[in-house]
Every structure is written in C-alpha cells, then in structure tokens.
Amino acid sequence: MYDPVSWNGMTVYVRRTMKFAGGVAHLVLFEYRRQKFVKCTSVLD
C-alpha cells in the first residue's frame, strides 16, 4: 500500500506494509510533520 505525501513540494509515495510470516508482524510507519521527514519506525512483534 502506498500513501501519497507532499514533501518539499514533491509528491512522495510512502510504502506502508504489514506482513505476517511465521507469526511475525512487520510494521513500517513513516510520519511527516511540517513537510519534513521526522520519524521512521520499524516494529517487530
């Protein structure tokens, strides 16, 4: 799944994935604030 995000006047497509393999969930979250890349978190459960 790709989410369009406006960043520095450009349209950036951020990939948001949720995968389940062997009972493992992989979540990648991109947060944008004030048109700046502020955080990228990767969570393994």
PDB file of N, CA and C in Angstrom:
ATOM      1  N   MET A   1       0.840  -1.195   0.000  1.00  0.00           N
ATOM      2  CA  MET A   1       0.000   0.000   0.000  1.00  0.00           C
ATOM      3  C   MET A   1       0.878   1.249   0.000  1.00  0.00           C
ATOM      4  N   TYR A   2       0.573   2.163  -0.896  1.00  0.00           N
ATOM      5  CA  TYR A   2       1.357   3.389  -0.993  1.00  0.00           C
ATOM      6  C   TYR A   2       0.488   4.597  -0.672  1.00  0.00           C
ATOM      7  N   ASP A   3       1.020   5.472   0.186  1.00  0.00           N
ATOM      8  CA  ASP A   3       0.288   6.682   0.547  1.00  0.00           C
ATOM      9  C   ASP A   3       1.013   7.901  -0.013  1.00  0.00           C
ATOM     10  N   PRO A   4       0.328   8.728  -0.821  1.00  0.00           N
ATOM     11  CA  PRO A   4       0.950   9.937  -1.354  1.00  0.00           C
ATOM     12  C   PRO A   4       1.126  10.998  -0.272  1.00  0.00           C
ATOM     13  N   VAL A   5       2.346  11.529  -0.175  1.00  0.00           N
ATOM     14  CA  VAL A   5       2.641  12.553   0.820  1.00  0.00           C
ATOM     15  C   VAL A   5       3.343  13.717   0.137  1.00  0.00           C
ATOM     16  N   SER A   6       2.884  14.929   0.420  1.00  0.00           N
ATOM     17  CA  SER A   6       3.533  16.114  -0.130  1.00  0.00           C
ATOM     18  C   SER A   6       4.731  16.475   0.736  1.00  0.00           C
ATOM     19  N   TRP A   7       5.932  16.510   0.121  1.00  0.00           N
ATOM     20  CA  TRP A   7       7.156  16.751   0.882  1.00  0.00           C
ATOM     21  C   TRP A   7       8.110  17.591   0.056  1.00  0.00           C
ATOM     22  N   ASN A   8       8.451  18.762   0.559  1.00  0.00           N
ATOM     23  CA  ASN A   8       9.335  19.693  -0.151  1.00  0.00           C
ATOM     24  C   ASN A   8       8.828  19.996  -1.564  1.00  0.00           C
ATOM     25  N   GLY A   9       7.504  20.138  -1.681  1.00  0.00           N
ATOM     26  CA  GLY A   9       6.925  20.461  -2.975  1.00  0.00           C
ATOM     27  C   GLY A   9       6.838  19.272  -3.919  1.00  0.00           C
ATOM     28  N   MET A  10       7.249  18.085  -3.436  1.00  0.00           N
ATOM     29  CA  MET A  10       7.182  16.892  -4.259  1.00  0.00           C
ATOM     30  C   MET A  10       6.136  15.944  -3.701  1.00  0.00           C
ATOM     31  N   THR A  11       5.616  15.091  -4.568  1.00  0.00           N
ATOM     32  CA  THR A  11       4.680  14.075  -4.096  1.00  0.00           C
ATOM     33  C   THR A  11       5.448  12.777  -3.894  1.00  0.00           C
ATOM     34  N   VAL A  12       5.605  12.414  -2.643  1.00  0.00           N
ATOM     35  CA  VAL A  12       6.368  11.214  -2.312  1.00  0.00           C
ATOM     36  C   VAL A  12       5.406  10.099  -1.914  1.00  0.00           C
ATOM     37  N   TYR A  13       5.619   8.933  -2.492  1.00  0.00           N
ATOM     38  CA  TYR A  13       4.771   7.792  -2.151  1.00  0.00           C
ATOM     39  C   TYR A  13       5.459   6.939  -1.092  1.00  0.00           C
ATOM     40  N   VAL A  14       4.821   6.861   0.065  1.00  0.00           N
ATOM     41  CA  VAL A  14       5.381   6.123   1.186  1.00  0.00           C
ATOM     42  C   VAL A  14       4.750   4.730   1.252  1.00  0.00           C
ATOM     43  N   ARG A  15       5.623   3.742   1.299  1.00  0.00           N
ATOM     44  CA  ARG A  15       5.112   2.371   1.367  1.00  0.00           C
ATOM     45  C   ARG A  15       4.772   1.999   2.801  1.00  0.00           C
ATOM     46  N   ARG A  16       3.544   1.547   2.996  1.00  0.00           N
ATOM     47  CA  ARG A  16       3.097   1.143   4.324  1.00  0.00           C
ATOM     48  C   ARG A  16       2.761  -0.341   4.262  1.00  0.00           C
ATOM     49  N   THR A  17       3.551  -1.138   4.946  1.00  0.00           N
ATOM     50  CA  THR A  17       3.385  -2.582   4.836  1.00  0.00           C
ATOM     51  C   THR A  17       3.070  -3.227   6.172  1.00  0.00           C
ATOM     52  N   MET A  18       2.292  -4.271   6.101  1.00  0.00           N
ATOM     53  CA  MET A  18       2.012  -5.089   7.276  1.00  0.00           C
ATOM     54  C   MET A  18       2.115  -6.535   6.815  1.00  0.00           C
ATOM     55  N   LYS A  19       3.210  -7.194   7.223  1.00  0.00           N
ATOM     56  CA  LYS A  19       3.447  -8.553   6.750  1.00  0.00           C
ATOM     57  C   LYS A  19       3.331  -9.550   7.897  1.00  0.00           C
ATOM     58  N   PHE A  20       2.749 -10.700   7.597  1.00  0.00           N
ATOM     59  CA  PHE A  20       2.645 -11.761   8.587  1.00  0.00           C
ATOM     60  C   PHE A  20       3.333 -13.009   8.036  1.00  0.00           C
ATOM     61  N   ALA A  21       4.445 -13.370   8.643  1.00  0.00           N
ATOM     62  CA  ALA A  21       5.166 -14.570   8.212  1.00  0.00           C
ATOM     63  C   ALA A  21       5.721 -15.260   9.450  1.00  0.00           C
ATOM     64  N   GLY A  22       5.260 -16.462   9.710  1.00  0.00           N
ATOM     65  CA  GLY A  22       5.734 -17.186  10.887  1.00  0.00           C
ATOM     66  C   GLY A  22       5.291 -16.521  12.175  1.00  0.00           C
ATOM     67  N   GLY A  23       4.152 -15.822  12.118  1.00  0.00           N
ATOM     68  CA  GLY A  23       3.636 -15.162  13.312  1.00  0.00           C
ATOM     69  C   GLY A  23       4.344 -13.850  13.615  1.00  0.00           C
ATOM     70  N   VAL A  24       5.099 -13.336  12.639  1.00  0.00           N
ATOM     71  CA  VAL A  24       5.826 -12.085  12.838  1.00  0.00           C
ATOM     72  C   VAL A  24       5.153 -10.957  12.060  1.00  0.00           C
ATOM     73  N   ALA A  25       4.835  -9.896  12.757  1.00  0.00           N
ATOM     74  CA  ALA A  25       4.215  -8.739  12.109  1.00  0.00           C
ATOM     75  C   ALA A  25       5.257  -7.637  11.929  1.00  0.00           C
ATOM     76  N   HIS A  26       5.420  -7.175  10.714  1.00  0.00           N
ATOM     77  CA  HIS A  26       6.402  -6.137  10.420  1.00  0.00           C
ATOM     78  C   HIS A  26       5.672  -4.875   9.981  1.00  0.00           C
ATOM     79  N   LEU A  27       5.746  -3.859  10.805  1.00  0.00           N
ATOM     80  CA  LEU A  27       5.056  -2.612  10.510  1.00  0.00           C
ATOM     81  C   LEU A  27       6.060  -1.481  10.303  1.00  0.00           C
ATOM     82  N   VAL A  28       5.966  -0.840   9.156  1.00  0.00           N
ATOM     83  CA  VAL A  28       6.837   0.292   8.868  1.00  0.00           C
ATOM     84  C   VAL A  28       5.986   1.551   8.799  1.00  0.00           C
ATOM     85  N   LEU A  29       6.289   2.478   9.658  1.00  0.00           N
ATOM     86  CA  LEU A  29       5.482   3.682   9.738  1.00  0.00           C
ATOM     87  C   LEU A  29       6.323   4.928   9.459  1.00  0.00           C
ATOM     88  N   PHE A  30       5.862   5.727   8.526  1.00  0.00           N
ATOM     89  CA  PHE A  30       6.535   6.975   8.204  1.00  0.00           C
ATOM     90  C   PHE A  30       5.661   8.141   8.650  1.00  0.00           C
ATOM     91  N   GLU A  31       6.233   9.019   9.416  1.00  0.00           N
ATOM     92  CA  GLU A  31       5.469  10.174   9.860  1.00  0.00           C
ATOM     93  C   GLU A  31       6.092  11.446   9.300  1.00  0.00           C
ATOM     94  N   TYR A  32       5.247  12.324   8.792  1.00  0.00           N
ATOM     95  CA  TYR A  32       5.711  13.593   8.257  1.00  0.00           C
ATOM     96  C   TYR A  32       5.070  14.734   9.037  1.00  0.00           C
ATOM     97  N   ARG A  33       5.890  15.711   9.377  1.00  0.00           N
ATOM     98  CA  ARG A  33       5.374  16.865  10.105  1.00  0.00           C
ATOM     99  C   ARG A  33       6.012  18.132   9.543  1.00  0.00           C
ATOM    100  N   ARG A  34       5.169  19.113   9.221  1.00  0.00           N
ATOM    101  CA  ARG A  34       5.640  20.385   8.662  1.00  0.00           C
ATOM    102  C   ARG A  34       6.513  20.147   7.423  1.00  0.00           C
ATOM    103  N   GLN A  35       6.081  19.200   6.570  1.00  0.00           N
ATOM    104  CA  GLN A  35       6.768  18.881   5.315  1.00  0.00           C
ATOM    105  C   GLN A  35       8.200  18.434   5.540  1.00  0.00           C
ATOM    106  N   LYS A  36       8.467  17.808   6.694  1.00  0.00           N
ATOM    107  CA  LYS A  36       9.805  17.274   6.946  1.00  0.00           C
ATOM    108  C   LYS A  36       9.700  15.833   7.429  1.00  0.00           C
ATOM    109  N   PHE A  37      10.663  15.037   7.023  1.00  0.00           N
ATOM    110  CA  PHE A  37      10.699  13.649   7.474  1.00  0.00           C
ATOM    111  C   PHE A  37      11.175  13.635   8.921  1.00  0.00           C
ATOM    112  N   VAL A  38      10.326  13.175   9.831  1.00  0.00           N
ATOM    113  CA  VAL A  38      10.661  13.268  11.244  1.00  0.00           C
ATOM    114  C   VAL A  38      10.905  11.921  11.908  1.00  0.00           C
ATOM    115  N   LYS A  39      10.283  10.865  11.393  1.00  0.00           N
ATOM    116  CA  LYS A  39      10.470   9.594  12.075  1.00  0.00           C
ATOM    117  C   LYS A  39      10.155   8.405  11.185  1.00  0.00           C
ATOM    118  N   CYS A  40      10.943   7.349  11.333  1.00  0.00           N
ATOM    119  CA  CYS A  40      10.660   6.094  10.663  1.00  0.00           C
ATOM    120  C   CYS A  40      10.812   4.987  11.694  1.00  0.00           C
ATOM    121  N   THR A  41       9.725   4.284  11.973  1.00  0.00           N
ATOM    122  CA  THR A  41       9.784   3.247  12.986  1.00  0.00           C
ATOM    123  C   THR A  41       9.515   1.883  12.378  1.00  0.00           C
ATOM    124  N   SER A  42      10.277   0.906  12.831  1.00  0.00           N
ATOM    125  CA  SER A  42      10.071  -0.465  12.381  1.00  0.00           C
ATOM    126  C   SER A  42       9.830  -1.322  13.609  1.00  0.00           C
ATOM    127  N   VAL A  43       8.646  -1.953  13.651  1.00  0.00           N
ATOM    128  CA  VAL A  43       8.269  -2.716  14.835  1.00  0.00           C
ATOM    129  C   VAL A  43       8.149  -4.195  14.500  1.00  0.00           C
ATOM    130  N   LEU A  44       8.851  -5.014  15.269  1.00  0.00           N
ATOM    131  CA  LEU A  44       8.747  -6.461  15.106  1.00  0.00           C
ATOM    132  C   LEU A  44       8.060  -7.043  16.326  1.00  0.00           C
ATOM    133  N   ASP A  45       6.946  -7.734  16.095  1.00  0.00           N
ATOM    134  CA  ASP A  45       6.208  -8.330  17.202  1.00  0.00           C
ATOM    135  C   ASP A  45       6.449  -9.832  17.218  1.00  0.00           C
TER     136      ASP A  45
END
